[in-house]
Amino acid sequence: MNVGDSNNGMLVIEVADALLDILSKVGYQRGPQRFREADRLRSQLDGVLTTGGSAYTLKPDRDGLCLRVEETLRRTLDEAVQAAEALQKDAGAHLREAFVAAYGIKPNPSVAYSQAVKAVEAVANPVFLPKSPEPTLGAVRSTLDQGRNKYVMAVSDRAGAPAGIDAAVELINLLWHGQRDRHAGGPTSAPVSQEAAETAVHAAALLVHWVSKGYVRKK
């Protein structure tokens, strides 16, 4: 049976989500043996969802459910989180929150987009604005845009020289300008759509990975 397609499918998913949250708390609070038992139950539940063809799977932290996404995207996110945490712990947490808010059983596009921006800020601000008293993604965008000739990418251009940072700047521009609910009352203010939130999470994962690994750097 496809759990996600049954008449009571969403109720089953919500119960499973709550169970995973309980198991995560029990595992950490009751010692190593309980942790192993809780982890085994989580793995069994994940197997049931996979075998049943459910649209849902375990969150990255295994404390709840989220929509099943393409495996390459999931690996990209995981790699970005690992790279970010090596540089700035908060960045990994923000990126996870963005993913869960975008793909959780109760999506929140506004939170997903906001957390995606924060994830990029967490790694980019210390690198590009180390002395700024009020660093923001907008300030990072301006710094890189105005100083394009001072930075390069790890990849080479068509002539074999280090490529310029146009791609990174445009991706930051996309993320920065696309957050239409950042300020209310403007002529272009609008709620964040689910599609925009998912796009922001993907863009943030790429930017976080690039910055954390030093793929965008000074000459």
N, C-alpha and C. Protein backbone atom coordinates (compact mmCIF):
# COMPACT_ATOMS: atom_id res chain seq x y z
N MET A 1 0.84 -1.20 0.00
CA MET A 1 0.00 0.00 0.00
C MET A 1 0.87 1.25 0.00
N ASN A 2 0.52 2.22 -0.78
CA ASN A 2 1.23 3.49 -0.78
C ASN A 2 0.69 4.33 0.36
N VAL A 3 1.53 4.50 1.39
CA VAL A 3 1.06 5.21 2.59
C VAL A 3 0.58 6.60 2.26
N GLY A 4 1.28 7.29 1.34
CA GLY A 4 0.91 8.66 1.02
C GLY A 4 -0.37 8.78 0.24
N ASP A 5 -0.88 7.66 -0.38
CA ASP A 5 -2.07 7.73 -1.21
C ASP A 5 -3.33 7.20 -0.54
N SER A 6 -3.24 6.63 0.64
CA SER A 6 -4.41 6.09 1.33
C SER A 6 -5.29 7.22 1.82
N ASN A 7 -6.59 6.86 2.10
CA ASN A 7 -7.53 7.87 2.54
C ASN A 7 -7.07 8.57 3.81
N ASN A 8 -6.44 7.81 4.68
CA ASN A 8 -5.94 8.39 5.93
C ASN A 8 -4.43 8.60 5.87
N GLY A 9 -3.92 8.74 4.66
CA GLY A 9 -2.47 8.82 4.48
C GLY A 9 -1.82 9.95 5.26
N MET A 10 -2.44 11.13 5.22
CA MET A 10 -1.81 12.27 5.88
C MET A 10 -1.82 12.10 7.39
N LEU A 11 -2.86 11.47 7.91
CA LEU A 11 -2.90 11.20 9.35
C LEU A 11 -1.78 10.24 9.74
N VAL A 12 -1.57 9.21 8.92
CA VAL A 12 -0.50 8.26 9.18
C VAL A 12 0.85 8.98 9.15
N ILE A 13 1.04 9.86 8.19
CA ILE A 13 2.29 10.60 8.07
C ILE A 13 2.50 11.49 9.29
N GLU A 14 1.45 12.15 9.76
CA GLU A 14 1.56 13.01 10.93
C GLU A 14 1.89 12.21 12.19
N VAL A 15 1.29 11.03 12.31
CA VAL A 15 1.59 10.17 13.46
C VAL A 15 3.05 9.71 13.40
N ALA A 16 3.50 9.31 12.22
CA ALA A 16 4.89 8.88 12.06
C ALA A 16 5.86 10.02 12.37
N ASP A 17 5.50 11.22 11.93
CA ASP A 17 6.33 12.39 12.20
C ASP A 17 6.45 12.63 13.70
N ALA A 18 5.32 12.55 14.40
CA ALA A 18 5.32 12.73 15.85
C ALA A 18 6.12 11.63 16.55
N LEU A 19 5.99 10.39 16.06
CA LEU A 19 6.73 9.27 16.64
C LEU A 19 8.23 9.48 16.51
N LEU A 20 8.66 9.94 15.34
CA LEU A 20 10.09 10.19 15.13
C LEU A 20 10.61 11.27 16.08
N ASP A 21 9.80 12.28 16.31
CA ASP A 21 10.19 13.34 17.24
C ASP A 21 10.35 12.77 18.65
N ILE A 22 9.41 11.91 19.06
CA ILE A 22 9.49 11.28 20.38
C ILE A 22 10.72 10.38 20.47
N LEU A 23 10.98 9.59 19.43
CA LEU A 23 12.13 8.69 19.43
C LEU A 23 13.45 9.45 19.54
N SER A 24 13.52 10.63 18.90
CA SER A 24 14.75 11.41 18.97
C SER A 24 15.01 11.88 20.39
N LYS A 25 13.95 12.24 21.11
CA LYS A 25 14.10 12.70 22.49
C LYS A 25 14.40 11.54 23.43
N VAL A 26 13.72 10.43 23.23
CA VAL A 26 13.96 9.25 24.07
C VAL A 26 15.39 8.75 23.89
N GLY A 27 15.83 8.71 22.65
CA GLY A 27 17.16 8.20 22.38
C GLY A 27 18.25 8.98 23.08
N TYR A 28 18.15 10.30 23.08
CA TYR A 28 19.19 11.12 23.68
C TYR A 28 19.10 11.15 25.20
N GLN A 29 17.91 10.98 25.75
CA GLN A 29 17.71 11.13 27.19
C GLN A 29 17.88 9.84 27.97
N ARG A 30 17.79 8.68 27.31
CA ARG A 30 17.77 7.41 28.04
C ARG A 30 19.04 6.59 27.92
N GLY A 31 20.10 7.13 27.34
CA GLY A 31 21.36 6.41 27.29
C GLY A 31 21.61 5.67 25.99
N PRO A 32 22.83 5.08 25.86
CA PRO A 32 23.26 4.45 24.60
C PRO A 32 22.35 3.33 24.11
N GLN A 33 21.87 2.46 25.02
CA GLN A 33 21.04 1.34 24.58
C GLN A 33 19.72 1.84 24.01
N ARG A 34 19.09 2.76 24.70
CA ARG A 34 17.85 3.34 24.20
C ARG A 34 18.08 4.07 22.89
N PHE A 35 19.23 4.72 22.78
CA PHE A 35 19.54 5.42 21.53
C PHE A 35 19.61 4.44 20.36
N ARG A 36 20.28 3.30 20.58
CA ARG A 36 20.38 2.30 19.51
C ARG A 36 19.01 1.74 19.15
N GLU A 37 18.17 1.49 20.16
CA GLU A 37 16.83 0.98 19.90
C GLU A 37 16.01 2.00 19.11
N ALA A 38 16.11 3.27 19.52
CA ALA A 38 15.37 4.32 18.82
C ALA A 38 15.85 4.45 17.39
N ASP A 39 17.17 4.34 17.19
CA ASP A 39 17.73 4.45 15.85
C ASP A 39 17.27 3.28 14.97
N ARG A 40 17.19 2.10 15.57
CA ARG A 40 16.72 0.92 14.83
C ARG A 40 15.27 1.11 14.40
N LEU A 41 14.44 1.64 15.28
CA LEU A 41 13.04 1.88 14.95
C LEU A 41 12.91 2.93 13.84
N ARG A 42 13.75 3.96 13.90
CA ARG A 42 13.72 4.98 12.85
C ARG A 42 14.08 4.36 11.50
N SER A 43 15.10 3.51 11.50
CA SER A 43 15.51 2.85 10.25
C SER A 43 14.42 1.94 9.72
N GLN A 44 13.72 1.24 10.62
CA GLN A 44 12.62 0.37 10.19
C GLN A 44 11.49 1.18 9.58
N LEU A 45 11.18 2.30 10.20
CA LEU A 45 10.12 3.16 9.68
C LEU A 45 10.51 3.71 8.31
N ASP A 46 11.77 4.12 8.16
CA ASP A 46 12.23 4.62 6.87
C ASP A 46 12.12 3.53 5.81
N GLY A 47 12.42 2.28 6.19
CA GLY A 47 12.30 1.17 5.26
C GLY A 47 10.87 0.93 4.83
N VAL A 48 9.93 1.06 5.78
CA VAL A 48 8.51 0.89 5.46
C VAL A 48 8.06 1.97 4.47
N LEU A 49 8.48 3.21 4.70
CA LEU A 49 8.10 4.31 3.82
C LEU A 49 8.67 4.10 2.41
N THR A 50 9.92 3.66 2.35
CA THR A 50 10.56 3.44 1.06
C THR A 50 9.89 2.29 0.30
N THR A 51 9.68 1.17 1.01
CA THR A 51 9.05 0.01 0.39
C THR A 51 7.64 0.31 -0.06
N GLY A 52 6.93 1.11 0.74
CA GLY A 52 5.55 1.45 0.41
C GLY A 52 5.41 2.53 -0.64
N GLY A 53 6.53 3.05 -1.14
CA GLY A 53 6.48 4.07 -2.18
C GLY A 53 5.98 5.41 -1.68
N SER A 54 6.19 5.69 -0.39
CA SER A 54 5.72 6.95 0.18
C SER A 54 6.48 8.13 -0.41
N ALA A 55 5.79 9.26 -0.50
CA ALA A 55 6.43 10.49 -0.96
C ALA A 55 7.28 11.11 0.15
N TYR A 56 7.23 10.52 1.35
CA TYR A 56 7.94 11.08 2.49
C TYR A 56 9.08 10.17 2.93
N THR A 57 10.07 10.80 3.56
CA THR A 57 11.21 10.08 4.11
C THR A 57 11.66 10.81 5.37
N LEU A 58 12.71 10.31 6.01
CA LEU A 58 13.18 10.94 7.23
C LEU A 58 13.91 12.25 6.93
N LYS A 59 13.75 13.22 7.84
CA LYS A 59 14.50 14.47 7.74
C LYS A 59 16.00 14.17 7.88
N PRO A 60 16.85 15.12 7.51
CA PRO A 60 18.30 14.92 7.67
C PRO A 60 18.69 14.56 9.10
N ASP A 61 18.01 15.13 10.10
CA ASP A 61 18.32 14.83 11.50
C ASP A 61 17.54 13.63 12.03
N ARG A 62 16.70 13.02 11.19
CA ARG A 62 15.95 11.81 11.52
C ARG A 62 14.99 12.00 12.70
N ASP A 63 14.55 13.25 12.91
CA ASP A 63 13.62 13.52 14.01
C ASP A 63 12.22 13.87 13.50
N GLY A 64 11.94 13.53 12.26
CA GLY A 64 10.64 13.81 11.67
C GLY A 64 10.66 13.43 10.20
N LEU A 65 9.60 13.79 9.49
CA LEU A 65 9.48 13.44 8.07
C LEU A 65 9.55 14.67 7.18
N CYS A 66 9.96 14.45 5.95
CA CYS A 66 9.95 15.49 4.93
C CYS A 66 9.67 14.81 3.60
N LEU A 67 9.36 15.62 2.61
CA LEU A 67 9.14 15.06 1.28
C LEU A 67 10.42 14.43 0.75
N ARG A 68 10.27 13.34 0.05
CA ARG A 68 11.41 12.67 -0.56
C ARG A 68 11.85 13.49 -1.79
N VAL A 69 13.12 13.90 -1.81
CA VAL A 69 13.63 14.70 -2.92
C VAL A 69 14.63 13.86 -3.71
N GLU A 70 14.97 14.34 -4.89
CA GLU A 70 15.91 13.64 -5.75
C GLU A 70 17.24 13.45 -5.00
N GLU A 71 17.82 12.26 -5.12
CA GLU A 71 18.97 11.89 -4.30
C GLU A 71 20.16 12.82 -4.50
N THR A 72 20.36 13.31 -5.72
CA THR A 72 21.48 14.22 -5.97
C THR A 72 21.33 15.50 -5.17
N LEU A 73 20.10 16.02 -5.11
CA LEU A 73 19.84 17.22 -4.32
C LEU A 73 20.10 16.95 -2.85
N ARG A 74 19.64 15.80 -2.36
CA ARG A 74 19.85 15.46 -0.95
C ARG A 74 21.34 15.39 -0.63
N ARG A 75 22.12 14.77 -1.51
CA ARG A 75 23.56 14.69 -1.28
C ARG A 75 24.21 16.07 -1.32
N THR A 76 23.75 16.91 -2.25
CA THR A 76 24.27 18.27 -2.34
C THR A 76 24.02 19.03 -1.05
N LEU A 77 22.81 18.88 -0.51
CA LEU A 77 22.47 19.54 0.74
C LEU A 77 23.36 19.02 1.87
N ASP A 78 23.50 17.70 1.96
CA ASP A 78 24.31 17.12 3.03
C ASP A 78 25.76 17.60 2.95
N GLU A 79 26.31 17.64 1.74
CA GLU A 79 27.69 18.10 1.56
C GLU A 79 27.83 19.57 1.92
N ALA A 80 26.83 20.37 1.58
CA ALA A 80 26.86 21.80 1.91
C ALA A 80 26.80 22.00 3.42
N VAL A 81 25.96 21.22 4.09
CA VAL A 81 25.85 21.32 5.55
C VAL A 81 27.18 20.96 6.20
N GLN A 82 27.80 19.88 5.75
CA GLN A 82 29.08 19.46 6.33
C GLN A 82 30.16 20.51 6.11
N ALA A 83 30.23 21.06 4.90
CA ALA A 83 31.23 22.09 4.61
C ALA A 83 30.97 23.34 5.44
N ALA A 84 29.70 23.70 5.59
CA ALA A 84 29.34 24.90 6.35
C ALA A 84 29.69 24.76 7.81
N GLU A 85 29.40 23.59 8.38
CA GLU A 85 29.64 23.40 9.80
C GLU A 85 31.13 23.40 10.13
N ALA A 86 31.96 23.05 9.16
CA ALA A 86 33.40 23.11 9.38
C ALA A 86 33.87 24.57 9.48
N LEU A 87 33.11 25.47 8.88
CA LEU A 87 33.47 26.89 8.88
C LEU A 87 32.66 27.68 9.90
N GLN A 88 31.35 27.40 9.93
CA GLN A 88 30.44 28.16 10.79
C GLN A 88 29.25 27.27 11.15
N LYS A 89 29.18 26.86 12.41
CA LYS A 89 28.17 25.91 12.85
C LYS A 89 26.76 26.37 12.53
N ASP A 90 26.47 27.65 12.72
CA ASP A 90 25.11 28.15 12.51
C ASP A 90 24.64 27.96 11.07
N ALA A 91 25.56 28.01 10.13
CA ALA A 91 25.18 27.90 8.72
C ALA A 91 24.53 26.56 8.44
N GLY A 92 25.10 25.49 8.97
CA GLY A 92 24.51 24.17 8.79
C GLY A 92 23.13 24.07 9.38
N ALA A 93 22.95 24.65 10.57
CA ALA A 93 21.64 24.62 11.22
C ALA A 93 20.61 25.39 10.41
N HIS A 94 20.99 26.55 9.89
CA HIS A 94 20.06 27.34 9.08
C HIS A 94 19.68 26.60 7.80
N LEU A 95 20.65 25.93 7.20
CA LEU A 95 20.38 25.22 5.95
C LEU A 95 19.44 24.04 6.19
N ARG A 96 19.63 23.34 7.30
CA ARG A 96 18.72 22.25 7.66
C ARG A 96 17.31 22.78 7.89
N GLU A 97 17.21 23.89 8.62
CA GLU A 97 15.90 24.49 8.88
C GLU A 97 15.22 24.90 7.58
N ALA A 98 16.01 25.43 6.65
CA ALA A 98 15.45 25.84 5.36
C ALA A 98 14.89 24.64 4.62
N PHE A 99 15.64 23.54 4.63
CA PHE A 99 15.20 22.33 3.93
C PHE A 99 13.92 21.79 4.55
N VAL A 100 13.88 21.71 5.88
CA VAL A 100 12.69 21.17 6.55
C VAL A 100 11.48 22.06 6.32
N ALA A 101 11.69 23.39 6.36
CA ALA A 101 10.56 24.30 6.14
C ALA A 101 10.04 24.22 4.72
N ALA A 102 10.92 23.90 3.78
CA ALA A 102 10.50 23.78 2.37
C ALA A 102 9.87 22.43 2.08
N TYR A 103 10.41 21.37 2.68
CA TYR A 103 10.00 20.02 2.30
C TYR A 103 9.36 19.22 3.43
N GLY A 104 9.11 19.84 4.57
CA GLY A 104 8.48 19.14 5.68
C GLY A 104 7.02 18.83 5.40
N ILE A 105 6.37 18.10 6.32
CA ILE A 105 4.98 17.71 6.09
C ILE A 105 4.04 18.92 6.16
N LYS A 106 4.50 20.00 6.76
CA LYS A 106 3.73 21.25 6.78
C LYS A 106 4.65 22.37 6.30
N PRO A 107 4.82 22.51 5.00
CA PRO A 107 5.78 23.48 4.46
C PRO A 107 5.48 24.91 4.88
N ASN A 108 6.54 25.68 5.09
CA ASN A 108 6.41 27.10 5.40
C ASN A 108 7.38 27.84 4.49
N PRO A 109 6.92 28.25 3.30
CA PRO A 109 7.83 28.86 2.32
C PRO A 109 8.56 30.09 2.83
N SER A 110 7.88 30.92 3.62
CA SER A 110 8.52 32.13 4.13
C SER A 110 9.70 31.80 5.04
N VAL A 111 9.51 30.85 5.93
CA VAL A 111 10.59 30.43 6.83
C VAL A 111 11.70 29.77 6.03
N ALA A 112 11.34 28.95 5.06
CA ALA A 112 12.35 28.28 4.24
C ALA A 112 13.25 29.29 3.54
N TYR A 113 12.64 30.31 2.95
CA TYR A 113 13.42 31.32 2.23
C TYR A 113 14.29 32.11 3.21
N SER A 114 13.71 32.50 4.33
CA SER A 114 14.46 33.28 5.33
C SER A 114 15.66 32.51 5.86
N GLN A 115 15.46 31.23 6.15
CA GLN A 115 16.55 30.41 6.66
C GLN A 115 17.62 30.16 5.59
N ALA A 116 17.19 30.07 4.34
CA ALA A 116 18.15 29.92 3.25
C ALA A 116 19.08 31.13 3.17
N VAL A 117 18.49 32.32 3.28
CA VAL A 117 19.28 33.55 3.27
C VAL A 117 20.23 33.58 4.46
N LYS A 118 19.73 33.21 5.64
CA LYS A 118 20.57 33.21 6.85
C LYS A 118 21.74 32.22 6.72
N ALA A 119 21.49 31.09 6.06
CA ALA A 119 22.56 30.10 5.88
C ALA A 119 23.70 30.70 5.07
N VAL A 120 23.36 31.41 4.00
CA VAL A 120 24.40 32.03 3.17
C VAL A 120 25.09 33.15 3.95
N GLU A 121 24.31 33.95 4.67
CA GLU A 121 24.90 35.02 5.48
C GLU A 121 25.89 34.46 6.50
N ALA A 122 25.54 33.33 7.11
CA ALA A 122 26.37 32.76 8.18
C ALA A 122 27.77 32.39 7.70
N VAL A 123 27.88 31.98 6.43
CA VAL A 123 29.22 31.65 5.91
C VAL A 123 29.85 32.82 5.16
N ALA A 124 29.03 33.62 4.48
CA ALA A 124 29.57 34.69 3.64
C ALA A 124 29.98 35.93 4.42
N ASN A 125 29.22 36.28 5.46
CA ASN A 125 29.54 37.50 6.21
C ASN A 125 30.94 37.46 6.82
N PRO A 126 31.33 36.38 7.50
CA PRO A 126 32.69 36.36 8.08
C PRO A 126 33.79 36.38 7.03
N VAL A 127 33.51 35.84 5.85
CA VAL A 127 34.53 35.77 4.79
C VAL A 127 34.68 37.10 4.07
N PHE A 128 33.55 37.70 3.68
CA PHE A 128 33.60 38.90 2.85
C PHE A 128 33.38 40.20 3.61
N LEU A 129 32.81 40.13 4.81
CA LEU A 129 32.56 41.34 5.61
C LEU A 129 33.04 41.13 7.04
N PRO A 130 34.29 40.75 7.25
CA PRO A 130 34.74 40.38 8.60
C PRO A 130 34.72 41.52 9.61
N LYS A 131 34.77 42.76 9.15
CA LYS A 131 34.81 43.89 10.07
C LYS A 131 33.51 44.70 10.08
N SER A 132 32.53 44.28 9.32
CA SER A 132 31.28 45.05 9.25
C SER A 132 30.47 44.89 10.53
N PRO A 133 29.97 46.00 11.10
CA PRO A 133 29.16 45.90 12.32
C PRO A 133 27.76 45.34 12.06
N GLU A 134 27.27 45.48 10.84
CA GLU A 134 25.93 45.00 10.50
C GLU A 134 25.97 44.29 9.14
N PRO A 135 26.61 43.13 9.09
CA PRO A 135 26.71 42.41 7.81
C PRO A 135 25.39 41.78 7.40
N THR A 136 25.09 41.84 6.13
CA THR A 136 23.88 41.23 5.58
C THR A 136 24.22 40.62 4.22
N LEU A 137 23.32 39.81 3.71
CA LEU A 137 23.53 39.25 2.38
C LEU A 137 23.54 40.36 1.34
N GLY A 138 22.73 41.40 1.55
CA GLY A 138 22.73 42.53 0.63
C GLY A 138 24.08 43.22 0.58
N ALA A 139 24.73 43.33 1.74
CA ALA A 139 26.06 43.95 1.78
C ALA A 139 27.10 43.05 1.13
N VAL A 140 26.97 41.75 1.31
CA VAL A 140 27.86 40.82 0.63
C VAL A 140 27.70 40.96 -0.88
N ARG A 141 26.45 41.04 -1.31
CA ARG A 141 26.15 41.20 -2.74
C ARG A 141 26.83 42.44 -3.30
N SER A 142 26.72 43.56 -2.59
CA SER A 142 27.33 44.81 -3.05
C SER A 142 28.84 44.72 -3.08
N THR A 143 29.42 44.10 -2.04
CA THR A 143 30.87 43.96 -1.96
C THR A 143 31.43 43.16 -3.13
N LEU A 144 30.78 42.04 -3.43
CA LEU A 144 31.25 41.20 -4.53
C LEU A 144 30.96 41.84 -5.88
N ASP A 145 29.80 42.49 -5.99
CA ASP A 145 29.43 43.12 -7.26
C ASP A 145 30.42 44.24 -7.61
N GLN A 146 30.73 45.06 -6.62
CA GLN A 146 31.62 46.20 -6.87
C GLN A 146 33.10 45.78 -6.92
N GLY A 147 33.41 44.60 -6.41
CA GLY A 147 34.80 44.16 -6.40
C GLY A 147 35.03 42.91 -7.23
N ARG A 148 34.28 42.79 -8.32
CA ARG A 148 34.39 41.59 -9.16
C ARG A 148 35.82 41.32 -9.61
N ASN A 149 36.59 42.37 -9.83
CA ASN A 149 37.97 42.20 -10.31
C ASN A 149 38.92 41.75 -9.20
N LYS A 150 38.42 41.70 -7.95
CA LYS A 150 39.27 41.31 -6.82
C LYS A 150 39.13 39.83 -6.45
N TYR A 151 38.11 39.16 -7.03
CA TYR A 151 37.82 37.79 -6.65
C TYR A 151 37.81 36.87 -7.87
N VAL A 152 38.00 35.60 -7.61
CA VAL A 152 37.95 34.59 -8.68
C VAL A 152 37.23 33.36 -8.15
N MET A 153 36.85 32.50 -9.10
CA MET A 153 36.26 31.21 -8.76
C MET A 153 37.34 30.13 -8.85
N ALA A 154 37.08 28.98 -8.24
CA ALA A 154 38.03 27.87 -8.29
C ALA A 154 38.10 27.26 -9.69
N VAL A 155 37.01 27.36 -10.45
CA VAL A 155 36.97 26.79 -11.79
C VAL A 155 37.64 27.73 -12.79
N SER A 156 38.11 27.18 -13.90
CA SER A 156 38.78 27.99 -14.92
C SER A 156 37.81 28.49 -15.98
N ASP A 157 38.16 29.58 -16.63
CA ASP A 157 37.34 30.09 -17.72
C ASP A 157 37.80 29.46 -19.04
N ARG A 158 37.26 29.92 -20.16
CA ARG A 158 37.55 29.31 -21.46
C ARG A 158 39.01 29.48 -21.87
N ALA A 159 39.71 30.45 -21.27
CA ALA A 159 41.11 30.67 -21.61
C ALA A 159 42.05 29.92 -20.66
N GLY A 160 41.47 29.22 -19.68
CA GLY A 160 42.29 28.47 -18.74
C GLY A 160 42.68 29.26 -17.51
N ALA A 161 42.25 30.50 -17.42
CA ALA A 161 42.54 31.34 -16.25
C ALA A 161 41.41 31.16 -15.22
N PRO A 162 41.66 31.53 -13.95
CA PRO A 162 40.59 31.45 -12.96
C PRO A 162 39.37 32.26 -13.41
N ALA A 163 38.21 31.65 -13.34
CA ALA A 163 36.99 32.32 -13.80
C ALA A 163 36.60 33.47 -12.89
N GLY A 164 35.90 34.43 -13.47
CA GLY A 164 35.36 35.53 -12.67
C GLY A 164 34.20 35.05 -11.80
N ILE A 165 33.72 35.92 -10.95
CA ILE A 165 32.69 35.54 -9.97
C ILE A 165 31.28 35.93 -10.40
N ASP A 166 31.09 36.16 -11.70
CA ASP A 166 29.78 36.58 -12.18
C ASP A 166 28.68 35.60 -11.76
N ALA A 167 28.95 34.31 -11.86
CA ALA A 167 27.94 33.31 -11.53
C ALA A 167 27.54 33.40 -10.06
N ALA A 168 28.53 33.57 -9.17
CA ALA A 168 28.24 33.68 -7.75
C ALA A 168 27.44 34.95 -7.44
N VAL A 169 27.83 36.06 -8.07
CA VAL A 169 27.13 37.32 -7.84
C VAL A 169 25.68 37.23 -8.30
N GLU A 170 25.47 36.66 -9.48
CA GLU A 170 24.11 36.56 -10.00
C GLU A 170 23.25 35.62 -9.15
N LEU A 171 23.85 34.57 -8.61
CA LEU A 171 23.10 33.66 -7.75
C LEU A 171 22.71 34.36 -6.45
N ILE A 172 23.62 35.16 -5.91
CA ILE A 172 23.29 35.95 -4.71
C ILE A 172 22.22 36.98 -5.04
N ASN A 173 22.34 37.62 -6.21
CA ASN A 173 21.30 38.57 -6.64
C ASN A 173 19.93 37.90 -6.68
N LEU A 174 19.89 36.71 -7.25
CA LEU A 174 18.64 35.97 -7.36
C LEU A 174 18.05 35.70 -5.98
N LEU A 175 18.89 35.24 -5.07
CA LEU A 175 18.42 34.91 -3.72
C LEU A 175 17.97 36.17 -2.98
N TRP A 176 18.74 37.23 -3.10
CA TRP A 176 18.45 38.47 -2.38
C TRP A 176 17.18 39.14 -2.89
N HIS A 177 17.06 39.32 -4.18
CA HIS A 177 15.91 40.02 -4.74
C HIS A 177 14.64 39.17 -4.71
N GLY A 178 14.78 37.86 -4.67
CA GLY A 178 13.61 36.99 -4.71
C GLY A 178 12.83 36.91 -3.42
N GLN A 179 13.38 37.40 -2.33
CA GLN A 179 12.68 37.34 -1.03
C GLN A 179 11.70 38.50 -0.93
N ARG A 180 10.55 38.34 -1.56
CA ARG A 180 9.61 39.45 -1.71
C ARG A 180 8.82 39.75 -0.45
N ASP A 181 8.91 38.91 0.57
CA ASP A 181 8.18 39.20 1.81
C ASP A 181 9.10 39.75 2.89
N ARG A 182 10.32 40.12 2.51
CA ARG A 182 11.27 40.61 3.51
C ARG A 182 10.77 41.92 4.12
N HIS A 183 10.16 42.77 3.30
CA HIS A 183 9.59 44.03 3.79
C HIS A 183 8.15 44.13 3.30
N ALA A 184 7.27 44.56 4.19
CA ALA A 184 5.85 44.67 3.84
C ALA A 184 5.52 46.07 3.32
N GLY A 185 4.45 46.14 2.54
CA GLY A 185 3.92 47.42 2.12
C GLY A 185 4.49 47.99 0.85
N GLY A 186 5.48 47.35 0.26
CA GLY A 186 6.08 47.86 -0.97
C GLY A 186 5.28 47.43 -2.18
N PRO A 187 5.50 48.06 -3.31
CA PRO A 187 4.74 47.73 -4.52
C PRO A 187 5.02 46.33 -5.05
N THR A 188 6.17 45.78 -4.71
CA THR A 188 6.50 44.43 -5.19
C THR A 188 6.48 43.39 -4.06
N SER A 189 6.01 43.78 -2.88
CA SER A 189 5.93 42.83 -1.77
C SER A 189 4.91 41.75 -2.09
N ALA A 190 5.24 40.52 -1.72
CA ALA A 190 4.33 39.40 -2.00
C ALA A 190 4.75 38.20 -1.15
N PRO A 191 3.78 37.31 -0.86
CA PRO A 191 4.13 36.09 -0.12
C PRO A 191 5.11 35.25 -0.93
N VAL A 192 5.94 34.50 -0.22
CA VAL A 192 6.89 33.60 -0.88
C VAL A 192 6.15 32.34 -1.31
N SER A 193 6.26 31.98 -2.56
CA SER A 193 5.61 30.77 -3.06
C SER A 193 6.43 29.53 -2.70
N GLN A 194 5.79 28.38 -2.77
CA GLN A 194 6.50 27.14 -2.50
C GLN A 194 7.64 26.94 -3.50
N GLU A 195 7.38 27.25 -4.77
CA GLU A 195 8.42 27.10 -5.79
C GLU A 195 9.61 28.01 -5.52
N ALA A 196 9.32 29.25 -5.09
CA ALA A 196 10.41 30.18 -4.78
C ALA A 196 11.21 29.70 -3.58
N ALA A 197 10.53 29.14 -2.59
CA ALA A 197 11.21 28.64 -1.40
C ALA A 197 12.15 27.48 -1.76
N GLU A 198 11.66 26.56 -2.57
CA GLU A 198 12.50 25.43 -2.98
C GLU A 198 13.71 25.91 -3.79
N THR A 199 13.48 26.88 -4.67
CA THR A 199 14.58 27.44 -5.46
C THR A 199 15.61 28.09 -4.55
N ALA A 200 15.14 28.81 -3.52
CA ALA A 200 16.05 29.48 -2.59
C ALA A 200 16.89 28.47 -1.82
N VAL A 201 16.29 27.36 -1.41
CA VAL A 201 17.04 26.33 -0.68
C VAL A 201 18.14 25.75 -1.57
N HIS A 202 17.81 25.46 -2.83
CA HIS A 202 18.79 24.91 -3.76
C HIS A 202 19.93 25.92 -3.99
N ALA A 203 19.57 27.18 -4.20
CA ALA A 203 20.58 28.21 -4.44
C ALA A 203 21.46 28.39 -3.22
N ALA A 204 20.85 28.40 -2.05
CA ALA A 204 21.62 28.57 -0.82
C ALA A 204 22.58 27.42 -0.59
N ALA A 205 22.14 26.19 -0.87
CA ALA A 205 23.02 25.04 -0.69
C ALA A 205 24.26 25.17 -1.55
N LEU A 206 24.08 25.62 -2.79
CA LEU A 206 25.21 25.78 -3.70
C LEU A 206 26.14 26.89 -3.22
N LEU A 207 25.57 28.03 -2.82
CA LEU A 207 26.38 29.15 -2.36
C LEU A 207 27.12 28.82 -1.07
N VAL A 208 26.44 28.17 -0.16
CA VAL A 208 27.07 27.78 1.11
C VAL A 208 28.26 26.86 0.84
N HIS A 209 28.06 25.92 -0.08
CA HIS A 209 29.14 24.99 -0.42
C HIS A 209 30.31 25.73 -1.05
N TRP A 210 30.04 26.61 -2.01
CA TRP A 210 31.10 27.36 -2.67
C TRP A 210 31.90 28.19 -1.69
N VAL A 211 31.20 28.95 -0.83
CA VAL A 211 31.89 29.85 0.09
C VAL A 211 32.64 29.06 1.16
N SER A 212 32.00 28.05 1.70
CA SER A 212 32.61 27.26 2.77
C SER A 212 33.89 26.56 2.31
N LYS A 213 33.90 26.11 1.07
CA LYS A 213 35.06 25.40 0.54
C LYS A 213 36.11 26.34 -0.07
N GLY A 214 35.82 27.63 -0.08
CA GLY A 214 36.77 28.58 -0.65
C GLY A 214 36.79 28.61 -2.14
N TYR A 215 35.68 28.23 -2.78
CA TYR A 215 35.61 28.22 -4.23
C TYR A 215 35.37 29.61 -4.81
N VAL A 216 34.98 30.55 -3.95
CA VAL A 216 34.90 31.96 -4.31
C VAL A 216 35.91 32.65 -3.40
N ARG A 217 36.97 33.21 -3.97
CA ARG A 217 38.06 33.71 -3.12
C ARG A 217 38.76 34.90 -3.77
N LYS A 218 39.55 35.59 -2.94
CA LYS A 218 40.32 36.72 -3.43
C LYS A 218 41.43 36.23 -4.34
N LYS A 219 41.82 37.09 -5.27
CA LYS A 219 42.93 36.76 -6.17
C LYS A 219 44.23 36.63 -5.38
